[in-house]
Every structure is written in structure tokens, then in C-alpha cells.
């Protein structure tokens, strides 16, 4: 395989299904509206300044809304949050306002929704965006944090939920 060739999209998706990831709800609120979506592609970048990144499909309305609002919160789910994860993943086809009927929400610094029952939540200002393939890699400088209980985390692995 030369350096210009790639594995197929199917092979890549299968490989990524075997990579355990925390399940999060990415939220934003501001002039462009209040939105939320379930994501597993999120990680820490640096502690100076405190920065996280999330990867979000460029074809989604949530992507454009976060870019326009310039803020987001990353809410890490606990083991019994499978239903809220499913709702924000689009299962049940609820409109955005109805999705926020699941869970108890508050705000910190940016006005982005914070799930009170989250294991942790980072409240962020968008600091940089890189467009890579089909996704935007959105970097956020963490301006506030929320800490829930240290219950088992909700993990996604092998196309299914697990508690760890």
C-alpha cells in the first residue's frame, strides 16, 4: 500500500468501533440557538491553557450552530444515561427543544447547557477550528467545569454501551 492509499471507510469504521470512548453530549447556546448532540470523539488537548477538542460532522446543523455561537459544553455521561445519549443521537426523532426535556440542565460561564447529572462537564469558548475530511475539529478553551459524582462512566465500544 503506497502512502497515497487508505483503508476503506468500512475498515476504518470497524477499527474505530473497537476503540473504547466516553459518551458525551455536546451542547451550545447563543445567538444561533440551543443545540445538543451525542459525541464520542472528544479528548483533552492541553492544560495550559485548559483545552479540549471535539470532532463533529460538517453536514450537521449542530456544527454550524456551535461555530456561530462560539461556545460549547462537553458533558460526560454516566452508566445510566443510555436513554439521554440515544435522544441526543437522534433516536426518537425529537426536536431540539424536546431533547432538553431529558435530564436537568443548568449553565456556567458561556450559557451552554450543562447536564447536572454529568460525571463532568467542561464549559468552553471555541478557540480554533480545523476542517479535516468530513468533520470539523473544534478546539475549546475550558473556562469553567462542573463535577458530578464519580459513578461508572458510559462507554461506547463494539457499537454498544458499557459501564466502566
Protein backbone atom coordinates (compact mmCIF):
# COMPACT_ATOMS: atom_id res chain seq x y z
CA UNK A 1 0.00 0.00 0.00
CA UNK A 2 1.59 3.29 -1.05
CA UNK A 3 1.37 6.34 1.16
CA UNK A 4 -1.44 7.72 -1.05
CA UNK A 5 -3.74 4.77 -0.45
CA UNK A 6 -6.09 4.40 2.51
CA UNK A 7 -8.04 1.64 4.11
CA UNK A 8 -11.71 1.68 3.15
CA UNK A 9 -14.24 3.73 5.09
CA UNK A 10 -15.82 0.45 6.23
CA UNK A 11 -12.48 -0.83 7.57
CA UNK A 12 -11.87 2.47 9.34
CA UNK A 13 -15.33 2.44 10.96
CA UNK A 14 -14.76 -1.16 12.11
CA UNK A 15 -11.39 -0.21 13.59
CA UNK A 16 -12.89 2.78 15.40
CA UNK A 17 -15.74 0.64 16.76
CA UNK A 18 -13.04 -1.27 18.65
CA UNK A 19 -11.67 1.90 20.25
CA UNK A 20 -13.41 2.49 23.57
CA UNK A 21 -14.66 6.06 24.03
CA UNK A 22 -16.54 8.02 26.65
CA UNK A 23 -20.04 9.07 25.64
CA UNK A 24 -20.69 12.82 25.81
CA UNK A 25 -23.38 15.30 24.97
CA UNK A 26 -22.01 18.35 23.19
CA UNK A 27 -24.22 21.40 23.75
CA UNK A 28 -24.25 25.06 22.79
CA UNK A 29 -26.49 28.06 23.28
CA UNK A 30 -26.28 31.57 21.94
CA UNK A 31 -27.50 33.80 19.10
CA UNK A 32 -27.73 30.84 16.68
CA UNK A 33 -29.84 28.76 19.07
CA UNK A 34 -29.70 25.97 21.64
CA UNK A 35 -28.43 22.61 20.37
CA UNK A 36 -27.06 19.31 21.60
CA UNK A 37 -25.71 16.12 20.07
CA UNK A 38 -24.17 12.87 21.33
CA UNK A 39 -20.46 12.55 20.53
CA UNK A 40 -17.71 10.07 21.32
CA UNK A 41 -14.86 11.85 19.51
CA UNK A 42 -13.63 14.16 22.25
CA UNK A 43 -10.42 14.44 24.24
CA UNK A 44 -8.15 16.70 26.24
CA UNK A 45 -5.52 18.68 24.36
CA UNK A 46 -3.59 20.74 26.92
CA UNK A 47 -3.81 22.00 30.49
CA UNK A 48 -2.04 25.29 29.63
CA UNK A 49 -4.39 26.72 28.58
CA UNK A 50 -7.01 24.12 29.53
CA UNK A 51 -8.24 22.91 26.12
CA UNK A 52 -10.41 20.07 24.81
CA UNK A 53 -11.35 19.08 21.27
CA UNK A 54 -14.44 17.56 19.73
CA UNK A 55 -14.95 16.19 16.24
CA UNK A 56 -18.28 16.92 14.61
CA UNK A 57 -19.61 16.07 11.16
CA UNK A 58 -19.64 19.18 8.96
CA UNK A 59 -23.02 18.20 7.50
CA UNK A 60 -24.89 18.70 10.76
CA UNK A 61 -26.88 21.76 11.81
CA UNK A 62 -25.27 21.47 15.25
CA UNK A 63 -21.82 22.05 13.68
CA UNK A 64 -22.84 25.37 12.15
CA UNK A 65 -24.69 26.46 15.30
CA UNK A 66 -21.65 25.86 17.52
CA UNK A 67 -19.45 27.80 15.11
CA UNK A 68 -21.89 30.73 15.12
CA UNK A 69 -22.37 30.67 18.92
CA UNK A 70 -18.62 30.39 19.53
CA UNK A 71 -19.18 28.35 22.71
CA UNK A 72 -19.92 24.76 23.73
CA UNK A 73 -20.08 22.43 26.70
CA UNK A 74 -18.87 18.85 26.76
CA UNK A 75 -20.96 16.75 29.17
CA UNK A 76 -19.59 13.27 30.01
CA UNK A 77 -22.35 10.74 30.68
CA UNK A 78 -22.62 8.14 33.46
CA UNK A 79 -23.63 4.49 33.14
CA UNK A 80 -27.41 5.02 33.40
CA UNK A 81 -27.57 7.76 30.73
CA UNK A 82 -28.13 5.47 27.74
CA UNK A 83 -31.59 6.94 27.08
CA UNK A 84 -30.37 10.56 27.09
CA UNK A 85 -27.47 9.54 24.85
CA UNK A 86 -29.93 7.95 22.42
CA UNK A 87 -32.19 11.03 22.45
CA UNK A 88 -29.31 13.39 21.59
CA UNK A 89 -28.05 10.90 18.97
CA UNK A 90 -31.36 11.48 17.17
CA UNK A 91 -33.19 8.28 18.10
CA UNK A 92 -36.88 9.01 18.51
CA UNK A 93 -36.56 11.97 16.13
CA UNK A 94 -37.34 14.56 18.82
CA UNK A 95 -36.88 18.22 18.02
CA UNK A 96 -34.05 20.02 19.80
CA UNK A 97 -36.23 21.66 22.48
CA UNK A 98 -37.77 18.29 23.44
CA UNK A 99 -34.34 16.67 23.75
CA UNK A 100 -33.50 19.08 26.56
CA UNK A 101 -36.56 17.75 28.40
CA UNK A 102 -34.35 14.78 29.33
CA UNK A 103 -32.07 15.43 32.29
CA UNK A 104 -31.70 18.56 34.41
CA UNK A 105 -29.80 21.41 32.76
CA UNK A 106 -28.04 24.47 34.11
CA UNK A 107 -25.34 26.86 32.83
CA UNK A 108 -21.92 28.04 33.99
CA UNK A 109 -19.93 30.80 32.21
CA UNK A 110 -20.79 30.60 28.49
CA UNK A 111 -24.52 29.88 28.67
CA UNK A 112 -24.08 26.46 27.04
CA UNK A 113 -26.27 23.81 28.69
CA UNK A 114 -24.59 21.79 31.45
CA UNK A 115 -26.14 18.44 32.40
CA UNK A 116 -26.31 18.49 36.20
CA UNK A 117 -26.09 14.68 36.35
CA UNK A 118 -22.97 14.55 34.12
CA UNK A 119 -19.85 12.89 35.51
CA UNK A 120 -18.09 16.08 34.49
CA UNK A 121 -18.71 18.95 32.12
CA UNK A 122 -16.32 21.42 30.50
CA UNK A 123 -17.73 24.82 29.55
CA UNK A 124 -15.72 26.16 26.60
CA UNK A 125 -15.13 29.05 24.24
CA UNK A 126 -14.22 27.97 20.71
CA UNK A 127 -10.53 28.80 20.24
CA UNK A 128 -9.74 27.13 16.91
CA UNK A 129 -11.39 25.02 14.20
CA UNK A 130 -9.68 22.68 11.76
CA UNK A 131 -11.61 21.18 8.85
CA UNK A 132 -10.47 17.58 8.28
CA UNK A 133 -12.26 15.40 5.75
CA UNK A 134 -15.94 15.19 6.63
CA UNK A 135 -15.51 16.65 10.10
CA UNK A 136 -14.68 19.84 11.94
CA UNK A 137 -12.19 19.51 14.78
CA UNK A 138 -13.39 22.14 17.23
CA UNK A 139 -10.98 23.21 19.95
CA UNK A 140 -12.40 24.80 23.08
CA UNK A 141 -10.64 26.66 25.84
CA UNK A 142 -12.21 25.50 29.10
CA UNK A 143 -13.49 28.47 31.11
CA UNK A 144 -15.47 26.56 33.76
CA UNK A 145 -16.01 22.97 34.90
CA UNK A 146 -18.76 21.02 36.64
CA UNK A 147 -18.01 17.87 38.63
CA UNK A 148 -20.71 15.28 39.27
CA UNK A 149 -20.33 12.08 41.24
CA UNK A 150 -17.67 9.50 40.41
CA UNK A 151 -20.20 6.96 39.17
CA UNK A 152 -19.35 4.46 36.45
CA UNK A 153 -18.85 6.16 33.10
CA UNK A 154 -20.88 5.39 29.98
CA UNK A 155 -18.50 3.95 27.38
CA UNK A 156 -19.14 3.10 23.73
CA UNK A 157 -17.27 0.05 22.40
CA UNK A 158 -18.08 -2.55 19.72
CA UNK A 159 -21.13 -0.47 18.70
CA UNK A 160 -22.70 -0.85 22.14
CA UNK A 161 -22.85 0.87 25.54
CA UNK A 162 -20.83 -0.36 28.51
CA UNK A 163 -20.31 0.85 32.10
CA UNK A 164 -16.80 1.30 33.38
